[in-house]
Protein backbone atom coordinates (compact mmCIF):
# COMPACT_ATOMS: atom_id res chain seq x y z
CA MET A 1 0.05 0.04 0.03
CA THR A 2 1.35 3.61 -0.88
CA THR A 3 0.84 6.09 1.87
CA ASP A 4 1.02 9.92 1.54
CA TRP A 5 4.85 10.03 2.62
CA GLN A 6 6.03 7.74 -0.24
CA VAL A 7 3.92 9.83 -2.89
CA HIS A 8 5.85 13.13 -2.34
CA TYR A 9 8.86 10.71 -1.72
CA THR A 10 8.43 9.36 -5.59
CA ARG A 11 7.40 13.22 -7.24
CA TRP A 12 10.86 13.74 -5.51
CA LYS A 13 12.66 11.01 -7.43
CA GLU A 14 11.23 11.82 -10.50
CA TYR A 15 11.82 15.00 -10.59
CA PRO A 16 14.15 15.45 -13.75
CA ASP A 17 15.85 18.96 -12.46
CA LEU A 18 16.12 18.55 -8.90
CA GLU A 19 19.15 19.93 -7.10
CA PRO A 20 22.24 17.92 -7.61
CA GLU A 21 23.12 17.92 -3.83
CA LEU A 22 19.36 17.41 -2.76
CA ARG A 23 19.65 14.55 -5.50
CA ARG A 24 22.82 12.89 -3.71
CA GLN A 25 21.32 13.15 -0.31
CA LEU A 26 17.52 11.52 -1.72
CA GLU A 27 19.45 8.59 -2.83
CA GLN A 28 21.17 8.09 0.37
CA LEU A 29 18.04 7.20 1.86
CA GLU A 30 17.22 4.04 -0.42
CA GLY A 31 17.95 2.11 2.34
CA ASP A 32 16.51 3.73 5.51
CA GLU A 33 12.27 3.79 5.40
CA LYS A 34 12.14 5.64 8.72
CA LYS A 35 14.54 8.65 7.69
CA ARG A 36 12.86 8.82 4.16
CA GLU A 37 9.40 8.62 6.02
CA ASP A 38 10.17 11.43 8.63
CA CYS A 39 11.56 14.14 5.35
CA PHE A 40 7.99 12.92 3.56
CA TYR A 41 5.49 12.30 6.31
CA LYS A 42 4.52 16.13 6.29
CA PRO A 43 5.01 19.73 5.23
CA ILE A 44 7.93 21.25 7.37
CA ALA A 45 5.85 23.14 10.63
CA PHE A 46 4.98 26.97 10.02
CA GLY A 47 4.33 29.01 12.77
CA THR A 48 4.97 32.61 14.20
CA GLY A 49 9.41 31.69 14.47
CA GLY A 50 8.27 30.77 10.19
CA MET A 51 9.80 27.52 9.27
CA ARG A 52 13.60 26.04 10.99
CA GLY A 53 14.73 22.31 10.68
CA VAL A 54 16.90 20.33 10.01
CA MET A 55 18.39 20.89 6.03
CA GLY A 56 17.89 18.07 3.39
CA PRO A 57 15.62 16.66 1.08
CA GLY A 58 11.87 16.18 1.60
CA ILE A 59 8.91 18.52 2.50
CA ASN A 60 9.84 18.70 6.14
CA ARG A 61 12.57 19.45 5.80
CA ILE A 62 14.85 23.03 4.95
CA ASN A 63 16.22 22.84 1.31
CA LEU A 64 15.52 25.39 -2.14
CA TYR A 65 11.97 23.94 -2.60
CA THR A 66 10.38 24.46 0.47
CA ILE A 67 12.14 27.92 0.88
CA ARG A 68 10.78 28.99 -2.24
CA LYS A 69 7.37 27.53 -1.59
CA ALA A 70 7.23 29.40 1.83
CA THR A 71 8.08 32.63 -0.24
CA ALA A 72 5.90 32.03 -2.56
CA GLY A 73 3.08 31.78 0.51
CA LEU A 74 4.35 35.31 1.67
CA ALA A 75 4.10 36.82 -1.69
CA LEU A 76 0.42 35.84 -2.26
CA HIS A 77 -0.56 36.95 1.22
CA LEU A 78 1.09 40.01 0.52
CA LEU A 79 -0.19 40.87 -2.69
CA GLU A 80 -3.68 40.05 -0.86
CA GLN A 81 -3.16 42.53 1.73
CA GLU A 82 -1.87 45.23 -1.00
CA THR A 83 -2.26 45.53 -4.94
CA ASP A 84 -0.13 48.27 -5.82
CA LEU A 85 2.89 46.04 -6.26
CA ALA A 86 5.21 49.72 -6.42
CA ALA A 87 4.39 49.86 -2.78
CA LEU A 88 5.85 46.27 -2.06
CA LYS A 89 9.23 45.83 -0.65
CA VAL A 90 10.76 43.15 1.59
CA ALA A 91 14.05 43.36 3.62
CA ILE A 92 16.00 39.97 3.31
CA ALA A 93 18.97 39.08 5.59
CA TYR A 94 20.70 36.31 6.11
CA ASP A 95 23.63 34.64 8.44
CA SER A 96 26.33 32.57 8.86
CA ARG A 97 25.14 29.06 8.50
CA ALA A 98 25.50 26.87 5.18
CA HIS A 99 23.16 27.58 2.55
CA SER A 100 21.93 30.89 3.92
CA HIS A 101 23.25 32.91 1.38
CA THR A 102 21.41 31.50 -1.28
CA PHE A 103 18.37 30.76 0.47
CA ALA A 104 18.08 34.54 0.73
CA LEU A 105 18.69 34.63 -2.51
CA GLU A 106 16.33 32.46 -3.95
CA THR A 107 13.79 34.10 -1.52
CA ALA A 108 14.58 37.54 -3.64
CA LYS A 109 13.99 35.42 -7.00
CA VAL A 110 10.47 34.60 -5.85
CA LEU A 111 9.41 37.46 -4.84
CA GLY A 112 10.52 39.06 -8.00
CA HIS A 113 9.17 36.65 -9.91
CA TYR A 114 5.73 37.62 -8.32
CA GLY A 115 6.67 41.72 -9.29
CA ILE A 116 7.72 42.35 -5.50
CA THR A 117 10.67 44.46 -4.76
CA ALA A 118 13.63 42.45 -2.33
CA CYS A 119 15.84 44.33 -0.90
CA LEU A 120 18.81 42.32 0.05
CA PHE A 121 21.73 42.85 2.39
CA GLU A 122 25.22 42.46 0.71
CA GLN A 123 26.97 40.80 3.94
CA LEU A 124 25.73 38.66 6.38
CA CYS A 125 24.26 40.27 9.04
CA PRO A 126 22.34 39.99 12.81
CA THR A 127 18.73 39.28 12.89
CA PRO A 128 17.65 42.67 14.76
CA LEU A 129 19.63 44.73 12.07
CA LEU A 130 17.45 43.31 9.54
CA SER A 131 14.13 44.17 11.61
CA PHE A 132 15.42 47.46 11.90
CA ALA A 133 15.74 47.66 8.67
CA VAL A 134 12.22 46.80 7.96
CA ARG A 135 11.04 50.13 9.42
CA HIS A 136 14.14 52.19 8.09
CA LEU A 137 13.13 51.47 4.89
CA GLY A 138 9.40 51.37 5.10
CA ALA A 139 8.93 47.52 4.01
CA SER A 140 6.02 45.25 3.96
CA ALA A 141 7.57 42.26 5.35
CA GLY A 142 11.11 40.99 6.20
CA VAL A 143 12.75 37.73 5.95
CA VAL A 144 15.73 36.06 7.28
CA ILE A 145 17.91 33.24 7.08
CA THR A 146 18.99 31.74 10.38
CA ALA A 147 18.24 29.08 12.89
CA SER A 148 19.66 30.99 15.58
CA HIS A 149 21.57 28.45 18.21
CA ASN A 150 20.72 25.70 16.45
CA PRO A 151 23.59 23.00 15.91
CA PRO A 152 24.71 23.43 12.18
CA GLU A 153 22.69 21.03 10.17
CA TYR A 154 19.70 23.09 11.06
CA ASN A 155 18.67 26.67 9.20
CA GLY A 156 15.25 28.38 8.92
CA TYR A 157 13.19 30.95 7.41
CA LYS A 158 11.77 34.07 10.17
CA ILE A 159 9.55 36.28 8.53
CA TYR A 160 8.87 39.74 10.16
CA GLY A 161 5.83 42.11 9.54
CA ALA A 162 5.67 45.95 8.42
CA ASP A 163 6.65 46.68 12.70
CA GLY A 164 9.62 45.28 12.47
CA GLY A 165 8.44 42.31 15.00
CA GLN A 166 7.91 38.68 14.24
CA ILE A 167 4.62 38.10 12.53
CA PRO A 168 1.57 37.10 14.95
CA PRO A 169 -0.24 33.83 15.00
CA GLU A 170 -2.93 35.31 13.34
CA ALA A 171 -0.63 36.59 10.31
CA ALA A 172 1.38 33.29 10.56
CA ALA A 173 -1.89 31.19 9.99
CA ARG A 174 -2.94 33.43 6.63
CA ILE A 175 0.94 32.91 5.50
CA PHE A 176 0.60 29.16 5.77
CA ALA A 177 -2.77 28.93 4.17
CA LYS A 178 -1.14 30.91 1.28
CA ILE A 179 1.96 28.53 1.14
CA GLU A 180 -0.64 25.75 0.93
CA GLN A 181 -2.37 27.40 -1.82
CA ALA A 182 1.31 27.65 -3.81
CA GLY A 183 1.44 24.46 -4.63
CA ASP A 184 4.04 21.99 -6.08
CA GLU A 185 7.49 23.39 -3.94
CA LEU A 186 9.78 21.69 -6.87
CA ARG A 187 7.36 24.11 -9.64
CA ILE A 188 7.98 27.48 -7.71
CA GLY A 189 8.52 30.06 -10.28
CA THR A 190 11.43 32.43 -9.92
CA SER A 191 13.46 35.18 -11.93
CA GLU A 192 17.06 35.59 -12.13
CA VAL A 193 19.04 38.16 -10.64
CA THR A 194 20.39 40.22 -13.91
CA GLU A 195 16.28 40.64 -14.54
CA LEU A 196 15.13 41.50 -11.11
CA MET A 197 18.08 44.70 -10.89
CA ASP A 198 17.16 45.60 -14.93
CA ARG A 199 13.73 45.94 -13.83
CA GLY A 200 14.16 47.54 -10.24
CA LEU A 201 12.92 44.29 -8.44
CA LEU A 202 16.42 43.91 -6.83
CA HIS A 203 18.28 45.98 -4.36
CA MET A 204 21.27 45.95 -2.52
CA ILE A 205 21.42 46.95 1.18
CA GLY A 206 24.77 47.86 2.30
CA ASP A 207 26.30 50.37 4.99
CA GLU A 208 23.95 52.94 5.34
CA VAL A 209 21.43 50.65 7.44
CA PHE A 210 24.07 49.50 9.61
CA ALA A 211 25.14 52.83 10.15
CA ALA A 212 21.61 53.84 10.74
CA TYR A 213 21.07 51.16 13.45
CA MET A 214 24.98 51.72 15.20
CA THR A 215 23.53 55.31 15.64
CA CYS A 216 20.34 54.20 17.42
CA GLN A 217 22.64 51.88 19.33
CA LYS A 218 24.48 54.39 20.61
CA GLN A 219 21.30 56.98 21.14
CA LEU A 220 20.57 54.61 23.94
CA ARG A 221 23.57 55.07 26.42
CA LEU A 222 22.54 55.91 29.53
CA PRO A 223 25.12 59.49 30.65
CA ALA A 224 26.52 57.59 33.81
CA ALA A 225 28.80 55.41 31.54
CA GLU A 226 30.77 57.78 29.41
CA LEU A 227 32.18 59.03 33.02
CA ALA A 228 32.21 55.73 34.16
CA LEU A 229 35.17 54.69 31.36
CA CYS A 230 37.33 57.98 31.78
CA THR A 231 39.03 55.99 35.09
CA HIS A 232 37.59 52.48 34.97
CA GLN A 233 38.09 50.49 31.55
CA PRO A 234 36.38 46.68 32.08
CA ARG A 235 38.32 43.79 30.42
CA ILE A 236 36.13 42.49 27.88
CA ILE A 237 36.02 38.74 26.28
CA PHE A 238 33.89 38.50 23.50
CA SER A 239 32.90 36.07 21.12
CA PRO A 240 30.26 35.65 18.14
CA LEU A 241 30.72 31.79 18.54
CA HIS A 242 31.60 32.12 14.25
CA GLY A 243 28.02 33.71 13.43
CA THR A 244 27.46 37.80 12.58
CA THR A 245 27.93 40.16 15.21
CA LEU A 246 32.07 40.34 14.97
CA ALA A 247 31.82 44.05 13.24
CA PRO A 248 28.84 45.52 15.60
CA ILE A 249 30.12 44.75 18.89
CA THR A 250 33.64 45.38 18.54
CA GLN A 251 32.78 48.56 16.65
CA GLY A 252 30.15 49.83 18.79
CA LEU A 253 32.27 48.83 22.04
CA GLN A 254 34.72 51.08 20.17
CA ALA A 255 32.75 53.53 19.33
CA LEU A 256 31.80 54.06 23.02
CA GLY A 257 35.38 54.60 24.45
CA PHE A 258 35.87 50.75 25.37
CA THR A 259 39.51 50.02 25.15
CA GLN A 260 39.81 46.83 26.74
CA VAL A 261 38.06 44.31 24.17
CA HIS A 262 39.43 41.36 23.15
CA VAL A 263 37.87 38.83 20.71
CA VAL A 264 38.47 34.90 21.02
CA SER A 265 40.18 34.59 17.49
CA ARG A 266 39.39 30.57 16.80
CA GLN A 267 35.87 31.79 16.97
CA ALA A 268 35.67 34.91 15.64
CA GLU A 269 34.94 34.25 11.54
CA PRO A 270 31.86 33.27 10.33
CA ASP A 271 31.85 29.36 10.08
CA PRO A 272 28.53 27.28 9.07
CA LEU A 273 30.18 24.27 11.13
CA PHE A 274 30.60 26.02 14.28
CA PRO A 275 33.28 23.77 14.63
CA THR A 276 35.17 25.18 18.30
CA VAL A 277 31.55 24.65 19.89
CA ALA A 278 29.20 21.31 20.40
CA THR A 279 26.34 23.86 19.79
CA PRO A 280 26.15 28.12 19.43
CA ASN A 281 24.25 28.41 21.70
CA PRO A 282 25.23 31.07 24.37
CA GLU A 283 22.71 29.52 26.55
CA GLU A 284 24.86 26.11 27.04
CA PRO A 285 28.05 26.50 29.67
CA GLU A 286 30.12 24.36 26.99
CA SER A 287 29.96 27.47 24.22
CA PHE A 288 32.26 29.26 26.86
CA ARG A 289 34.84 27.33 27.03
CA MET A 290 37.54 28.84 25.14
CA ALA A 291 36.39 32.45 26.13
CA LEU A 292 36.75 31.53 29.90
CA LYS A 293 40.37 30.16 28.88
CA GLN A 294 41.07 33.62 27.46
CA ALA A 295 39.31 35.67 30.20
CA ARG A 296 41.88 33.77 32.92
CA LYS A 297 44.68 34.66 31.46
CA LYS A 298 43.39 38.79 30.62
CA GLY A 299 41.61 38.88 34.20
CA ALA A 300 38.92 40.02 32.58
CA ASP A 301 35.68 41.49 34.58
CA LEU A 302 33.31 40.82 32.34
CA ILE A 303 32.81 37.92 28.85
CA ILE A 304 30.15 37.71 26.55
CA CYS A 305 29.30 35.34 23.35
CA THR A 306 26.49 35.56 21.36
CA ASP A 307 24.36 33.36 18.80
CA PRO A 308 24.87 33.18 15.23
CA ASP A 309 22.01 35.43 14.44
CA GLY A 310 23.18 37.72 16.81
CA ASP A 311 19.79 38.19 19.06
CA ARG A 312 20.99 36.10 22.07
CA LEU A 313 23.57 37.06 24.41
CA GLY A 314 25.28 35.23 26.69
CA VAL A 315 27.18 36.65 29.76
CA ALA A 316 29.81 35.44 32.18
CA VAL A 317 31.37 37.75 35.24
CA ARG A 318 34.35 37.71 37.24
CA THR A 319 34.15 36.77 40.94
CA GLY A 320 37.45 37.15 42.15
CA PRO A 321 41.08 36.68 40.80
CA ASN A 322 41.12 34.38 37.68
CA GLN A 323 37.54 33.36 38.65
CA HIS A 324 34.73 33.85 36.36
CA VAL A 325 31.09 32.39 36.80
CA ILE A 326 28.43 31.77 33.91
CA LEU A 327 25.21 33.88 34.58
CA ASN A 328 21.85 32.45 33.12
CA GLY A 329 19.36 34.78 31.46
CA ASN A 330 17.07 35.78 34.04
CA GLN A 331 20.42 36.54 36.06
CA THR A 332 21.45 38.48 33.37
CA GLY A 333 18.39 40.21 32.88
CA VAL A 334 17.93 41.37 36.24
CA LEU A 335 21.29 43.12 36.15
CA LEU A 336 20.26 44.95 33.26
CA LEU A 337 16.95 45.84 34.22
CA ASP A 338 18.58 47.14 37.79
CA TYR A 339 20.75 49.39 35.87
CA ILE A 340 18.34 50.75 33.53
CA LEU A 341 15.88 51.32 36.47
CA THR A 342 18.75 53.16 38.82
CA GLN A 343 20.53 55.22 36.09
CA GLU A 344 16.80 56.01 34.72
CA LYS A 345 15.69 57.20 38.40
CA LYS A 346 19.21 59.21 39.37
CA ALA A 347 18.87 61.13 35.75
CA GLY A 348 14.85 61.66 36.46
CA THR A 349 14.42 60.36 32.99
CA LEU A 350 11.84 57.17 34.02
CA PRO A 351 9.25 57.18 31.84
CA ALA A 352 5.57 58.03 32.85
CA ARG A 353 3.30 54.90 32.71
CA ALA A 354 6.76 52.65 32.00
CA ALA A 355 6.50 48.51 31.64
CA VAL A 356 8.78 46.32 31.57
CA VAL A 357 7.54 42.85 29.33
CA LYS A 358 8.89 39.51 30.27
CA THR A 359 7.80 35.73 29.31
CA VAL A 360 5.57 33.76 31.30
CA VAL A 361 8.88 31.47 32.10
CA THR A 362 10.92 34.30 33.17
CA SER A 363 11.83 34.89 36.35
CA GLU A 364 9.04 36.84 38.92
CA MET A 365 12.57 38.72 40.54
CA VAL A 366 11.79 41.04 37.25
CA ARG A 367 8.68 41.99 38.89
CA ALA A 368 10.04 42.49 42.14
CA ILE A 369 12.69 45.04 41.01
CA ALA A 370 10.34 46.40 38.78
CA SER A 371 7.53 47.08 41.04
CA ASP A 372 9.61 48.63 43.86
CA TYR A 373 10.30 51.25 41.33
CA GLY A 374 6.30 51.79 40.41
CA VAL A 375 7.34 50.21 36.86
CA ALA A 376 4.50 47.76 35.85
CA THR A 377 5.38 44.25 34.86
CA ILE A 378 3.51 42.72 31.81
CA ASP A 379 3.52 39.10 30.94
CA THR A 380 3.88 37.39 27.32
CA LEU A 381 3.67 33.98 26.29
CA THR A 382 7.26 32.23 25.55
CA GLY A 383 8.75 34.20 22.38
CA PHE A 384 9.62 37.65 21.95
CA LYS A 385 7.05 38.01 19.35
CA TYR A 386 4.96 38.61 21.65
CA ILE A 387 7.29 41.33 23.53
CA GLY A 388 6.94 42.55 20.08
CA GLU A 389 3.26 42.82 20.13
CA LYS A 390 3.29 44.59 23.37
CA ILE A 391 5.87 47.30 22.12
CA HIS A 392 3.07 48.09 18.81
CA GLU A 393 0.31 47.91 21.55
CA PHE A 394 1.60 50.35 24.02
CA ALA A 395 2.90 52.46 20.42
CA GLN A 396 -0.86 52.41 19.21
CA SER A 397 -2.41 52.67 22.73
CA GLY A 398 -0.30 54.79 24.60
CA THR A 399 -1.16 53.03 27.46
CA HIS A 400 2.22 52.57 28.72
CA ALA A 401 5.99 53.31 27.82
CA PHE A 402 8.16 50.13 26.47
CA LEU A 403 10.95 49.93 29.00
CA PHE A 404 12.57 46.97 28.80
CA GLY A 405 11.58 43.29 27.67
CA LEU A 406 13.63 40.15 28.66
CA GLU A 407 13.11 36.42 28.04
CA GLU A 408 14.95 33.79 30.15
CA SER A 409 16.60 32.18 26.88
CA CYS A 410 18.81 34.97 26.78
CA GLY A 411 17.19 37.83 24.73
CA TYR A 412 16.65 41.46 25.67
CA LEU A 413 15.95 44.73 24.30
CA ARG A 414 15.57 48.44 25.38
CA GLY A 415 15.42 50.37 22.69
CA ASP A 416 12.10 49.70 20.38
CA PHE A 417 14.12 51.04 16.97
CA VAL A 418 14.46 46.88 17.11
CA ARG A 419 11.43 44.97 17.81
CA ASP A 420 13.14 41.67 18.42
CA LYS A 421 15.71 40.78 21.10
CA ASP A 422 18.94 42.08 20.29
CA ALA A 423 22.35 40.93 21.45
CA VAL A 424 24.51 44.27 19.89
CA GLN A 425 22.22 46.45 22.22
CA ALA A 426 22.55 43.80 24.92
CA ALA A 427 26.11 43.63 25.33
CA PHE A 428 26.69 47.05 25.09
CA LEU A 429 24.45 48.10 28.12
CA LEU A 430 26.20 45.48 29.90
CA ALA A 431 29.06 46.75 29.40
CA ASP A 432 28.12 50.52 30.57
CA ALA A 433 26.43 48.90 33.45
CA CYS A 434 30.10 46.87 34.44
CA ALA A 435 31.90 50.15 34.09
CA CYS A 436 29.69 52.06 36.65
CA LEU A 437 29.87 49.37 38.75
CA LEU A 438 33.73 49.32 38.22
CA ALA A 439 33.54 52.77 39.02
CA LYS A 440 32.12 52.39 42.51
CA GLY A 441 34.37 49.72 43.85
CA SER A 442 31.84 47.06 43.11
CA SER A 443 30.68 44.65 39.93
CA LEU A 444 28.31 42.71 38.14
CA TYR A 445 28.90 39.32 40.53
CA GLN A 446 28.51 41.91 43.45
CA ARG A 447 25.74 43.56 42.37
CA LEU A 448 23.67 40.88 41.33
CA GLN A 449 24.26 39.39 45.21
CA GLU A 450 23.04 42.78 46.70
CA LEU A 451 19.56 42.48 44.61
CA TYR A 452 19.44 38.70 46.20
CA GLU A 453 19.79 39.39 49.72
CA LYS A 454 17.31 42.55 48.59
CA TYR A 455 14.52 40.91 46.66
CA GLY A 456 14.87 37.73 47.68
CA HIS A 457 16.63 34.67 46.19
CA TYR A 458 14.65 33.80 43.29
CA ARG A 459 16.22 30.70 41.10
CA GLU A 460 15.60 29.24 37.96
CA ASP A 461 16.51 26.03 36.07
CA LEU A 462 15.05 25.02 32.20
CA VAL A 463 14.98 21.13 31.70
CA SER A 464 14.38 20.54 27.43
CA ILE A 465 13.67 16.88 26.67
CA THR A 466 14.19 15.87 23.51
CA TYR A 467 11.59 13.93 21.27
CA PRO A 468 12.19 13.99 17.52
CA GLY A 469 10.68 12.71 14.31
CA LYS A 470 6.76 11.83 14.14
CA ASP A 471 6.58 9.75 17.12
CA GLY A 472 8.37 12.54 19.49
CA MET A 473 5.65 15.26 18.35
CA GLU A 474 2.86 12.54 19.24
CA THR A 475 4.77 12.14 22.31
CA MET A 476 4.75 15.77 23.60
CA THR A 477 1.26 15.84 22.30
CA ALA A 478 -0.06 13.00 24.88
CA ILE A 479 1.60 13.74 27.77
CA LEU A 480 0.05 17.71 27.96
CA ALA A 481 -2.88 15.62 27.70
CA ALA A 482 -2.30 13.28 29.78
CA LEU A 483 -1.59 16.71 32.50
CA ARG A 484 -4.65 17.69 31.81
CA SER A 485 -6.90 14.29 32.17
CA LYS A 486 -4.58 13.96 35.60
CA PRO A 487 -3.64 17.33 36.69
CA LEU A 488 -1.04 17.16 39.95
CA ALA A 489 -2.42 18.73 43.19
CA SER A 490 0.71 19.47 44.86
CA VAL A 491 4.55 19.01 44.14
CA ALA A 492 7.33 18.44 46.57
CA GLY A 493 4.50 19.08 49.29
CA ARG A 494 3.77 22.43 48.02
CA HIS A 495 0.32 23.04 46.97
CA VAL A 496 -0.85 24.07 43.85
CA THR A 497 -3.10 27.09 44.11
CA SER A 498 -3.28 27.74 40.13
CA ILE A 499 -3.28 26.39 36.80
CA ASP A 500 -3.15 28.31 33.25
CA ASP A 501 -3.81 26.35 30.16
CA TYR A 502 -2.45 28.32 27.29
CA LEU A 503 -4.10 26.15 24.89
CA HIS A 504 -7.45 26.85 26.74
CA GLY A 505 -6.82 30.44 28.05
CA LYS A 506 -7.84 29.84 31.18
CA ARG A 507 -6.49 30.04 34.71
CA TRP A 508 -8.06 27.62 37.55
CA HIS A 509 -7.67 28.99 41.41
CA LYS A 510 -8.09 26.06 44.25
CA GLU A 511 -9.56 28.67 46.34
CA THR A 512 -12.47 28.97 44.84
CA ASN A 513 -12.03 25.62 42.29
CA GLY A 514 -13.16 28.47 39.80
CA THR A 515 -11.44 29.66 36.78
CA GLU A 516 -11.18 33.16 34.47
CA PRO A 517 -9.95 33.79 30.89
CA LEU A 518 -6.29 34.66 30.47
CA SER A 519 -5.77 37.14 27.87
CA LEU A 520 -3.21 35.42 26.24
CA PRO A 521 -3.43 33.75 22.58
CA ALA A 522 -3.92 30.47 22.58
CA SER A 523 -0.40 28.30 22.50
CA ASP A 524 -0.14 24.82 24.07
CA GLY A 525 1.37 24.77 27.41
CA LEU A 526 0.87 24.60 31.58
CA LYS A 527 1.73 26.38 34.21
CA TYR A 528 1.60 25.29 37.61
CA THR A 529 1.23 28.32 40.63
CA LEU A 530 2.79 26.57 43.78
CA GLY A 531 2.52 27.77 47.06
CA GLU A 532 5.46 29.26 48.82
CA GLN A 533 6.25 30.77 45.35
CA GLY A 534 6.75 27.92 43.22
CA TRP A 535 6.13 27.27 39.61
CA PHE A 536 6.59 25.45 37.17
CA CYS A 537 5.58 25.37 33.25
CA ILE A 538 5.57 23.28 30.47
CA ARG A 539 5.43 23.18 26.75
CA PRO A 540 6.72 22.23 23.41
CA SER A 541 9.37 23.56 22.10
CA GLY A 542 8.27 25.71 19.01
CA THR A 543 11.41 25.82 17.34
CA GLU A 544 13.13 22.32 17.93
CA PRO A 545 11.75 18.75 18.47
CA LYS A 546 11.64 19.32 22.41
CA MET A 547 9.66 19.29 25.15
CA LYS A 548 10.51 22.42 27.75
CA LEU A 549 10.21 22.38 31.38
CA TYR A 550 10.70 25.49 33.13
CA PHE A 551 10.84 25.62 36.88
CA GLY A 552 11.32 28.74 39.29
CA VAL A 553 11.60 29.46 43.30
CA LYS A 554 11.84 31.94 45.87
CA ASN A 555 13.49 31.71 48.82
CA THR A 556 15.46 33.28 52.21
CA SER A 557 18.54 31.62 50.90
CA GLU A 558 21.02 30.33 48.10
CA ALA A 559 20.90 27.13 49.38
CA ALA A 560 17.52 26.88 50.58
CA ALA A 561 16.09 28.04 47.03
CA LEU A 562 18.55 25.68 45.25
CA GLN A 563 17.36 22.60 47.26
CA ALA A 564 13.50 23.76 46.48
CA LEU A 565 14.13 23.95 42.97
CA SER A 566 16.26 20.31 42.92
CA ASP A 567 12.84 19.13 44.86
CA ILE A 568 10.20 20.27 42.80
CA LYS A 569 12.04 19.52 39.38
CA LYS A 570 12.60 16.04 40.99
CA ALA A 571 8.75 15.36 41.66
CA VAL A 572 7.47 17.20 38.47
CA LEU A 573 9.54 14.57 36.18
CA ALA A 574 9.13 11.72 38.19
CA TYR A 575 5.14 12.57 37.67
CA LEU A 576 5.84 12.78 33.93
CA GLN A 577 7.49 9.36 34.06
CA GLN A 578 4.75 7.80 35.65
CA LEU A 579 2.52 9.45 32.60
CA LEU A 580 4.24 8.64 29.90
CA PRO A 581 8.32 7.76 29.73
CA VAL A 582 10.43 10.65 29.41
């Protein structure tokens, strides 16, 4: 019996003009039916983050043809929104991954085939620069070819709206419908580059957009930092992890007056294989190995690493002579927020109705600090796209002034000229904070300890469980369904006080045994709030075949907080083991 996946496989196999490398990879699948099925059993998922996956042949992989089909869907969507072709323009960027430039060029060639103007960066650049370019150029949309911090075999296709933010769920659904309408991915029409240039449908983005972006970065600076640098120069180690941020961060730090910046030379140049790290993810301690070695030699005060597309910032700080500790995303976010609030209040520039926007899995310490300054904290679903939506909403309604956005996965934003997380902004801000603290005889690490003593010892952790392939998606769905049918009543001796069900948009309260609606978009996931200021959240990743479990606690000491965190993690994982093998 021939199944649907076999129909798609045969269609690819018999296509005479299949790209030679994909043809070779397809032939290598001949003896592995399970891999063939995984490559062809469904179209690659398209959500609010666009597409991301392993590169290779098939409709469930990132390749020349799935990129073209996604672009055809985007073109049909844009043409439905705006019939005047002259008004349609799309900015396109790409990172250092394998085939990123090729995929970016193919995106331009498909858009041009539909009569839509493409503005393509001349060289690789960080994702936040693409977000900036969309608004700076007045584009209708933006596309960046990237798989962020994923392993080398991944690539992806991320779409941005005219506001410079990642597309929201409603727009993603409309684009996906158009992608399905686009037809056979092997036969999507393209135009040649020379023809597009002649017709004025392809423009190259040069240094002028980068210069404008860097000017905006400099305007974010708080006044105390420039004065601090006159007497105290932090020693900084920086690694772009073979990605896109070498020029923006080194040139920016130099322009801001930092003179003791040392780059990890073996990780400086773009390389799609990321040969010096297991995965180019600054959330992973292993990615700091080379930077920390150099930091010990230089006596560095601050170590910063960025992921390949430059939207995540990983941080390590000095704790003593030749001693450093890697901070997690929550700790870095807390330090950045504290610096902004302290300096804005001191300068008398803290906006009225200021708001900090964080995701539901980001530390509650953020709310405690912001509240101390009379600043609101607003929660969004996981994903910086939702923070970008809030920025746009504030600009339209005037209800709040955006002050800072952050997520626990090392994503930060202060200046809303970008509408996505920006490691370049965050690097400059943290370097300034480091200089100011050194000038006061303190340090980033010492300041973090002071914040714990003042607001309480908050600690968080993340556990990711990989479920690859078709079976993995079904397993993750089954786990969440089982949790809904058999909800936990207590965890490690702490009663469950409320459960947020993001898929069904409701919050259950133990005290009343009633529910109330949540003002968040639908997304599969559950968050349990526990007694004694503990919580955990479970959701499938939107970009990787993983189930993610987030945990958070607050206690009176570090030891007590770490013990509570460990107890909750063990209890939750044991319960999941009872439901389904984990």
